[in-house]
Protein backbone atom coordinates (compact mmCIF):
# COMPACT_ATOMS: atom_id res chain seq x y z
CA MET A 1 -0.01 -0.06 0.00
CA THR A 2 1.40 3.42 -1.01
CA GLU A 3 1.60 6.02 1.71
CA LYS A 4 -0.22 9.32 0.92
CA LYS A 5 1.79 12.46 1.60
CA ASN A 6 -0.06 15.32 3.23
CA ILE A 7 0.38 18.28 0.85
CA PHE A 8 -1.05 20.88 3.28
CA MET A 9 1.34 23.18 5.23
CA ALA A 10 0.43 25.78 7.84
CA GLY A 11 2.76 28.70 7.29
CA GLY A 12 6.38 28.76 6.48
CA GLU A 13 8.31 28.31 3.26
CA LEU A 14 7.58 25.51 0.88
CA PRO A 15 10.17 22.92 0.04
CA THR A 16 11.60 23.46 -3.47
CA ASP A 17 9.79 20.48 -4.94
CA HIS A 18 6.45 20.88 -3.04
CA PRO A 19 3.54 19.95 -5.33
CA THR A 20 1.39 22.89 -4.44
CA TYR A 21 4.02 25.51 -5.40
CA ILE A 22 2.60 27.61 -8.22
CA GLU A 23 5.14 29.13 -10.55
CA ARG A 24 4.47 32.81 -11.11
CA GLU A 25 5.69 35.35 -13.64
CA VAL A 26 7.90 36.76 -10.89
CA ASP A 27 9.68 33.37 -10.64
CA ARG A 28 10.57 33.57 -14.31
CA GLU A 29 11.60 37.29 -13.94
CA ALA A 30 13.87 36.48 -10.97
CA TYR A 31 15.45 33.58 -12.85
CA ARG A 32 16.13 35.76 -15.97
CA ALA A 33 17.51 38.49 -13.71
CA ALA A 34 19.81 36.12 -11.93
CA LYS A 35 21.06 34.74 -15.28
CA ARG A 36 21.95 38.33 -16.23
CA PHE A 37 23.70 38.83 -12.87
CA ASP A 38 21.25 41.55 -11.86
CA LEU A 39 20.71 42.50 -8.26
CA LEU A 40 17.45 40.95 -6.94
CA HIS A 41 15.66 43.00 -4.31
CA ILE A 42 12.38 41.29 -3.29
CA ILE A 43 9.92 43.38 -1.38
CA ALA A 44 6.40 42.02 -0.56
CA PRO A 45 4.15 41.76 2.43
CA ASN A 46 4.44 38.84 4.83
CA PHE A 47 3.35 35.36 3.71
CA MET A 48 3.42 36.19 0.00
CA GLY A 49 6.05 33.53 -0.98
CA LYS A 50 9.29 35.50 -0.92
CA THR A 51 11.33 32.86 0.80
CA SER A 52 9.78 30.03 -1.23
CA LEU A 53 10.62 31.96 -4.43
CA ILE A 54 14.22 32.54 -3.28
CA ASN A 55 14.66 28.87 -2.24
CA ARG A 56 13.33 27.67 -5.54
CA LEU A 57 15.49 30.08 -7.48
CA ILE A 58 18.59 28.96 -5.57
CA HIS A 59 17.65 25.32 -6.22
CA LEU A 60 17.34 25.94 -9.93
CA LEU A 61 20.64 27.80 -10.19
CA GLU A 62 22.52 25.30 -8.08
CA GLU A 63 21.26 22.45 -10.42
CA GLU A 64 23.08 24.44 -13.13
CA GLY A 65 26.29 24.51 -11.10
CA TRP A 66 25.98 27.96 -9.56
CA LEU A 67 27.17 28.68 -6.02
CA CYS A 68 24.43 30.76 -4.35
CA ALA A 69 24.25 32.81 -1.16
CA TYR A 70 21.01 34.09 0.43
CA VAL A 71 21.77 37.02 2.72
CA ASN A 72 18.82 38.70 4.52
CA MET A 73 20.04 42.33 4.54
CA SER A 74 17.21 43.41 6.86
CA LEU A 75 18.96 41.63 9.69
CA MET A 76 21.89 44.02 9.45
CA LYS A 77 19.91 47.32 9.21
CA ASN A 78 21.20 48.79 12.46
CA PHE A 79 24.83 47.92 12.08
CA SER A 80 27.73 50.32 11.77
CA ASN A 81 29.48 50.32 8.38
CA GLU A 82 32.29 48.19 9.70
CA ASP A 83 30.01 45.71 11.39
CA TRP A 84 27.76 45.62 8.25
CA TYR A 85 30.66 44.68 5.95
CA ASN A 86 31.96 42.14 8.39
CA ALA A 87 28.55 40.50 8.74
CA LEU A 88 28.03 40.50 4.94
CA GLY A 89 31.56 38.91 4.44
CA ARG A 90 30.87 36.25 7.04
CA GLU A 91 27.56 35.32 5.46
CA LEU A 92 28.99 35.19 1.91
CA ALA A 93 31.88 33.01 3.21
CA ARG A 94 29.41 30.75 4.99
CA PHE A 95 27.55 30.03 1.76
CA LEU A 96 30.33 30.19 -0.77
CA THR A 97 33.21 28.35 0.86
CA PRO A 98 32.89 24.85 -0.56
CA GLU A 99 34.09 22.88 2.48
CA LYS A 100 31.76 24.96 4.75
CA ASN A 101 28.83 24.99 2.33
CA HIS A 102 25.53 24.74 4.19
């Protein structure tokens, strides 16, 4: 007997392969922007799928061999210039150093 998987989730980001994820035009625009090396700045109200979109985009790009880093800049909004650059460097190193890759 095959086990049925519950597709319903209460809040939070969807896994990259979740069957209920609906690809939107913004997904395709973000993908094209990333391929052009454009800066992506995603602003939307809470619970509109921003994190799911980012995770899915990272998944697609990593399948193509890209190294990706997701840095939530809003967490660094009250930092001094020196602390901001230090925090950004640490986050980028955390994601982009192969032996330490998440």
